[in-house]
Amino acid sequence: MTIPFFTVIICTYQRAHIIERALRSLRYQAEGDWEAIIVDDGSTDGTEHIVQRYGEADPRFRYVSKEHEGTAQARNKGVSEARGLFVTFLDSDDEYESDHLSSRRAMLLAYPSVQLLHGGVRVIGDDMVIDKDKPDEKIHVNDCVVGGTFIIRRSLFDRIGLFDNIPYA
């Protein structure tokens, strides 16, 4: 079995109304050396049927279902299933630009010692978000660490472990 360059983990919960946009943006990447693990965190809204339709058309899409435990546990499930050299995340309400993975691959190949890479986000709509530490204040999204932009060498998880089970992860 060939090891993909990227494993893209899409964690979802009750997102049948929007997940297809994320799946479509992944399917049309210029970079094709990826697998997708869609971790359904206990949805009951038909998310499974949408994802399985993509999996039937393209075996790179893999559906994994689990009990509802939250984002951190869903990401951990995805990482535990990942076969790629690098793991990245695509939130089920986001989408990739068509060159997202190819530009990251070029950077990772140019700097082979890199273990973690992040950055590069374009916000459509309000670029001010509520500060989780100060709910009465807003901060600019560029001042946030956006988890969906992380690309992590798979072997790094073996060394440092998975995500802590915290409610805002």
C-alpha atoms as a PDB file:
ATOM      1  CA  MET A   1       0.000   0.000   0.000  1.00  0.00           C
ATOM      2  CA  THR A   2       1.362   3.406  -0.987  1.00  0.00           C
ATOM      3  CA  ILE A   3       1.878   5.950   1.778  1.00  0.00           C
ATOM      4  CA  PRO A   4       0.208   9.253   0.869  1.00  0.00           C
ATOM      5  CA  PHE A   5       2.092  12.494   1.367  1.00  0.00           C
ATOM      6  CA  PHE A   6      -0.855  14.066   3.224  1.00  0.00           C
ATOM      7  CA  THR A   7      -3.595  12.775   5.449  1.00  0.00           C
ATOM      8  CA  VAL A   8      -6.342  15.381   5.589  1.00  0.00           C
ATOM      9  CA  ILE A   9      -8.543  14.939   8.653  1.00  0.00           C
ATOM     10  CA  ILE A  10     -12.011  16.446   8.519  1.00  0.00           C
ATOM     11  CA  CYS A  11     -13.831  16.261  11.842  1.00  0.00           C
ATOM     12  CA  THR A  12     -17.540  16.862  11.622  1.00  0.00           C
ATOM     13  CA  TYR A  13     -20.649  16.943  13.745  1.00  0.00           C
ATOM     14  CA  GLN A  14     -24.100  17.732  12.345  1.00  0.00           C
ATOM     15  CA  ARG A  15     -22.667  19.405   9.226  1.00  0.00           C
ATOM     16  CA  ALA A  16     -24.623  17.688   6.448  1.00  0.00           C
ATOM     17  CA  HIS A  17     -25.770  21.121   5.268  1.00  0.00           C
ATOM     18  CA  ILE A  18     -22.218  22.379   4.659  1.00  0.00           C
ATOM     19  CA  ILE A  19     -19.601  19.576   4.571  1.00  0.00           C
ATOM     20  CA  GLU A  20     -19.848  19.024   0.838  1.00  0.00           C
ATOM     21  CA  ARG A  21     -18.098  22.343   0.195  1.00  0.00           C
ATOM     22  CA  ALA A  22     -15.062  21.130   2.183  1.00  0.00           C
ATOM     23  CA  LEU A  23     -15.065  17.737   0.452  1.00  0.00           C
ATOM     24  CA  ARG A  24     -15.316  19.317  -2.990  1.00  0.00           C
ATOM     25  CA  SER A  25     -12.425  21.693  -2.276  1.00  0.00           C
ATOM     26  CA  LEU A  26     -10.276  18.724  -1.319  1.00  0.00           C
ATOM     27  CA  ARG A  27     -11.259  16.654  -4.342  1.00  0.00           C
ATOM     28  CA  TYR A  28     -10.186  19.470  -6.680  1.00  0.00           C
ATOM     29  CA  GLN A  29      -6.733  20.030  -5.194  1.00  0.00           C
ATOM     30  CA  ALA A  30      -3.882  20.430  -7.692  1.00  0.00           C
ATOM     31  CA  GLU A  31      -1.943  18.075  -5.386  1.00  0.00           C
ATOM     32  CA  GLY A  32      -3.369  14.568  -5.595  1.00  0.00           C
ATOM     33  CA  ASP A  33      -1.174  12.615  -3.180  1.00  0.00           C
ATOM     34  CA  TRP A  34      -3.506  12.587  -0.184  1.00  0.00           C
ATOM     35  CA  GLU A  35      -5.991  10.536   1.745  1.00  0.00           C
ATOM     36  CA  ALA A  36      -8.938  12.034   3.604  1.00  0.00           C
ATOM     37  CA  ILE A  37     -10.261  10.702   6.867  1.00  0.00           C
ATOM     38  CA  ILE A  38     -13.641  12.155   7.685  1.00  0.00           C
ATOM     39  CA  VAL A  39     -14.319  11.570  11.371  1.00  0.00           C
ATOM     40  CA  ASP A  40     -18.023  11.848  12.112  1.00  0.00           C
ATOM     41  CA  ASP A  41     -18.392  12.658  15.800  1.00  0.00           C
ATOM     42  CA  GLY A  42     -21.856  11.123  16.168  1.00  0.00           C
ATOM     43  CA  SER A  43     -23.904  13.084  13.622  1.00  0.00           C
ATOM     44  CA  THR A  44     -27.549  12.175  13.099  1.00  0.00           C
ATOM     45  CA  ASP A  45     -28.285  14.597  10.240  1.00  0.00           C
ATOM     46  CA  GLY A  46     -27.258  12.551   7.195  1.00  0.00           C
ATOM     47  CA  THR A  47     -23.598  13.576   7.130  1.00  0.00           C
ATOM     48  CA  GLU A  48     -22.653   9.911   6.667  1.00  0.00           C
ATOM     49  CA  HIS A  49     -24.540   9.600   3.359  1.00  0.00           C
ATOM     50  CA  ILE A  50     -22.854  12.658   1.862  1.00  0.00           C
ATOM     51  CA  VAL A  51     -19.373  11.489   2.848  1.00  0.00           C
ATOM     52  CA  GLN A  52     -19.996   7.922   1.678  1.00  0.00           C
ATOM     53  CA  ARG A  53     -21.044   9.229  -1.733  1.00  0.00           C
ATOM     54  CA  TYR A  54     -17.618  10.864  -2.052  1.00  0.00           C
ATOM     55  CA  GLY A  55     -15.935   7.657  -0.873  1.00  0.00           C
ATOM     56  CA  GLU A  56     -17.739   5.610  -3.510  1.00  0.00           C
ATOM     57  CA  ALA A  57     -16.528   7.988  -6.232  1.00  0.00           C
ATOM     58  CA  ASP A  58     -12.985   8.376  -4.863  1.00  0.00           C
ATOM     59  CA  PRO A  59     -11.350   5.825  -2.534  1.00  0.00           C
ATOM     60  CA  ARG A  60      -9.098   8.513  -1.054  1.00  0.00           C
ATOM     61  CA  PHE A  61     -12.113   9.578   1.042  1.00  0.00           C
ATOM     62  CA  ARG A  62     -12.573   7.376   4.103  1.00  0.00           C
ATOM     63  CA  TYR A  63     -15.492   7.699   6.534  1.00  0.00           C
ATOM     64  CA  VAL A  64     -14.975   6.916  10.228  1.00  0.00           C
ATOM     65  CA  SER A  65     -17.837   7.121  12.713  1.00  0.00           C
ATOM     66  CA  LYS A  66     -17.549   7.462  16.476  1.00  0.00           C
ATOM     67  CA  GLU A  67     -19.594   8.433  19.506  1.00  0.00           C
ATOM     68  CA  HIS A  68     -19.948  12.160  20.136  1.00  0.00           C
ATOM     69  CA  GLU A  69     -17.020  13.205  22.351  1.00  0.00           C
ATOM     70  CA  GLY A  70     -15.897  16.515  20.871  1.00  0.00           C
ATOM     71  CA  THR A  71     -13.284  17.864  18.500  1.00  0.00           C
ATOM     72  CA  ALA A  72     -10.131  16.790  20.347  1.00  0.00           C
ATOM     73  CA  GLN A  73     -11.177  13.144  20.469  1.00  0.00           C
ATOM     74  CA  ALA A  74     -12.327  13.254  16.842  1.00  0.00           C
ATOM     75  CA  ARG A  75      -8.938  14.640  15.780  1.00  0.00           C
ATOM     76  CA  ASN A  76      -7.187  11.956  17.814  1.00  0.00           C
ATOM     77  CA  LYS A  77      -9.258   9.277  16.077  1.00  0.00           C
ATOM     78  CA  GLY A  78      -8.255  10.734  12.714  1.00  0.00           C
ATOM     79  CA  VAL A  79      -4.575  10.862  13.632  1.00  0.00           C
ATOM     80  CA  SER A  80      -4.694   7.252  14.840  1.00  0.00           C
ATOM     81  CA  GLU A  81      -6.086   6.233  11.419  1.00  0.00           C
ATOM     82  CA  ALA A  82      -3.669   8.420   9.410  1.00  0.00           C
ATOM     83  CA  ARG A  83      -1.201   6.805   7.008  1.00  0.00           C
ATOM     84  CA  GLY A  84       0.245   9.957   5.439  1.00  0.00           C
ATOM     85  CA  LEU A  85       3.701  11.402   6.033  1.00  0.00           C
ATOM     86  CA  PHE A  86       2.033  14.647   7.106  1.00  0.00           C
ATOM     87  CA  VAL A  87      -1.271  15.197   8.873  1.00  0.00           C
ATOM     88  CA  THR A  88      -3.368  18.288   8.302  1.00  0.00           C
ATOM     89  CA  PHE A  89      -6.865  19.361   9.219  1.00  0.00           C
ATOM     90  CA  LEU A  90      -9.724  20.825   7.231  1.00  0.00           C
ATOM     91  CA  ASP A  91     -12.653  22.045   9.289  1.00  0.00           C
ATOM     92  CA  SER A  92     -15.943  20.813   7.880  1.00  0.00           C
ATOM     93  CA  ASP A  93     -17.189  24.378   7.406  1.00  0.00           C
ATOM     94  CA  ASP A  94     -14.030  25.546   5.613  1.00  0.00           C
ATOM     95  CA  GLU A  95     -12.557  24.932   2.193  1.00  0.00           C
ATOM     96  CA  TYR A  96      -9.121  24.835   0.610  1.00  0.00           C
ATOM     97  CA  GLU A  97      -7.900  26.993  -2.252  1.00  0.00           C
ATOM     98  CA  SER A  98      -7.017  24.693  -5.180  1.00  0.00           C
ATOM     99  CA  ASP A  99      -3.261  25.066  -4.590  1.00  0.00           C
ATOM    100  CA  HIS A 100      -3.364  24.688  -0.800  1.00  0.00           C
ATOM    101  CA  LEU A 101      -1.759  21.248  -0.572  1.00  0.00           C
ATOM    102  CA  SER A 102       0.628  21.718  -3.516  1.00  0.00           C
ATOM    103  CA  SER A 103       2.073  24.929  -2.062  1.00  0.00           C
ATOM    104  CA  ARG A 104       2.528  23.265   1.333  1.00  0.00           C
ATOM    105  CA  ARG A 105       4.148  20.232  -0.251  1.00  0.00           C
ATOM    106  CA  ALA A 106       6.650  22.460  -2.062  1.00  0.00           C
ATOM    107  CA  MET A 107       7.547  24.139   1.234  1.00  0.00           C
ATOM    108  CA  LEU A 108       7.900  20.827   3.075  1.00  0.00           C
ATOM    109  CA  LEU A 109      10.125  19.379   0.347  1.00  0.00           C
ATOM    110  CA  ALA A 110      12.273  22.526   0.304  1.00  0.00           C
ATOM    111  CA  TYR A 111      12.769  22.292   4.079  1.00  0.00           C
ATOM    112  CA  PRO A 112      12.844  18.563   4.899  1.00  0.00           C
ATOM    113  CA  SER A 113      13.597  19.037   8.609  1.00  0.00           C
ATOM    114  CA  VAL A 114      10.298  20.860   9.221  1.00  0.00           C
ATOM    115  CA  GLN A 115       8.090  19.036  11.709  1.00  0.00           C
ATOM    116  CA  LEU A 116       5.168  21.483  11.886  1.00  0.00           C
ATOM    117  CA  LEU A 117       3.968  24.134   9.467  1.00  0.00           C
ATOM    118  CA  HIS A 118       1.020  26.502   9.788  1.00  0.00           C
ATOM    119  CA  GLY A 119      -0.426  29.661   8.373  1.00  0.00           C
ATOM    120  CA  GLY A 120      -2.095  30.964   5.287  1.00  0.00           C
ATOM    121  CA  VAL A 121      -5.763  31.680   5.770  1.00  0.00           C
ATOM    122  CA  ARG A 122      -8.191  33.894   3.910  1.00  0.00           C
ATOM    123  CA  VAL A 123     -11.291  34.968   5.781  1.00  0.00           C
ATOM    124  CA  ILE A 124     -14.544  35.495   3.940  1.00  0.00           C
ATOM    125  CA  GLY A 125     -16.794  37.626   6.088  1.00  0.00           C
ATOM    126  CA  ASP A 126     -16.004  39.152   9.465  1.00  0.00           C
ATOM    127  CA  ASP A 127     -12.290  38.895  10.239  1.00  0.00           C
ATOM    128  CA  MET A 128     -12.869  39.752  13.899  1.00  0.00           C
ATOM    129  CA  VAL A 129     -13.646  36.835  16.216  1.00  0.00           C
ATOM    130  CA  ILE A 130     -14.582  36.541  19.875  1.00  0.00           C
ATOM    131  CA  ASP A 131     -11.559  36.044  22.113  1.00  0.00           C
ATOM    132  CA  LYS A 132     -12.117  32.732  23.926  1.00  0.00           C
ATOM    133  CA  ASP A 133     -10.205  34.023  26.956  1.00  0.00           C
ATOM    134  CA  LYS A 134     -12.058  37.366  27.019  1.00  0.00           C
ATOM    135  CA  PRO A 135     -15.575  36.747  25.642  1.00  0.00           C
ATOM    136  CA  ASP A 136     -16.437  40.451  25.764  1.00  0.00           C
ATOM    137  CA  GLU A 137     -13.596  41.289  23.361  1.00  0.00           C
ATOM    138  CA  LYS A 138     -12.871  40.544  19.725  1.00  0.00           C
ATOM    139  CA  ILE A 139      -9.521  39.922  18.074  1.00  0.00           C
ATOM    140  CA  HIS A 140      -8.410  39.824  14.450  1.00  0.00           C
ATOM    141  CA  VAL A 141      -8.276  36.316  12.982  1.00  0.00           C
ATOM    142  CA  ASN A 142      -4.675  36.946  11.859  1.00  0.00           C
ATOM    143  CA  ASP A 143      -3.759  37.176  15.548  1.00  0.00           C
ATOM    144  CA  CYS A 144      -5.129  33.662  16.140  1.00  0.00           C
ATOM    145  CA  VAL A 145      -3.533  30.289  15.622  1.00  0.00           C
ATOM    146  CA  VAL A 146      -5.910  28.628  13.174  1.00  0.00           C
ATOM    147  CA  GLY A 147      -5.816  24.878  13.788  1.00  0.00           C
ATOM    148  CA  GLY A 148      -7.080  24.148  10.305  1.00  0.00           C
ATOM    149  CA  THR A 149      -3.813  25.464   8.848  1.00  0.00           C
ATOM    150  CA  PHE A 150      -1.534  23.084  10.766  1.00  0.00           C
ATOM    151  CA  ILE A 151       0.476  20.471   8.895  1.00  0.00           C
ATOM    152  CA  ILE A 152       2.263  18.107  11.254  1.00  0.00           C
ATOM    153  CA  ARG A 153       4.718  15.359  10.438  1.00  0.00           C
ATOM    154  CA  ARG A 154       2.901  12.115  11.373  1.00  0.00           C
ATOM    155  CA  SER A 155       5.909  10.804  13.299  1.00  0.00           C
ATOM    156  CA  LEU A 156       5.776  13.859  15.589  1.00  0.00           C
ATOM    157  CA  PHE A 157       2.510  12.566  17.064  1.00  0.00           C
ATOM    158  CA  ASP A 158       4.306   9.320  17.921  1.00  0.00           C
ATOM    159  CA  ARG A 159       6.889  11.325  19.870  1.00  0.00           C
ATOM    160  CA  ILE A 160       4.702  13.871  21.659  1.00  0.00           C
ATOM    161  CA  GLY A 161       1.298  12.198  21.787  1.00  0.00           C
ATOM    162  CA  LEU A 162      -2.161  13.212  20.689  1.00  0.00           C
ATOM    163  CA  PHE A 163      -4.388  16.176  21.557  1.00  0.00           C
ATOM    164  CA  ASP A 164      -5.474  16.727  25.148  1.00  0.00           C
ATOM    165  CA  ASN A 165      -9.207  16.313  25.634  1.00  0.00           C
ATOM    166  CA  ILE A 166     -10.109  19.942  26.226  1.00  0.00           C
ATOM    167  CA  PRO A 167     -13.493  21.410  25.268  1.00  0.00           C
ATOM    168  CA  TYR A 168     -12.243  24.193  22.982  1.00  0.00           C
ATOM    169  CA  ALA A 169      -9.659  22.152  21.039  1.00  0.00           C
END
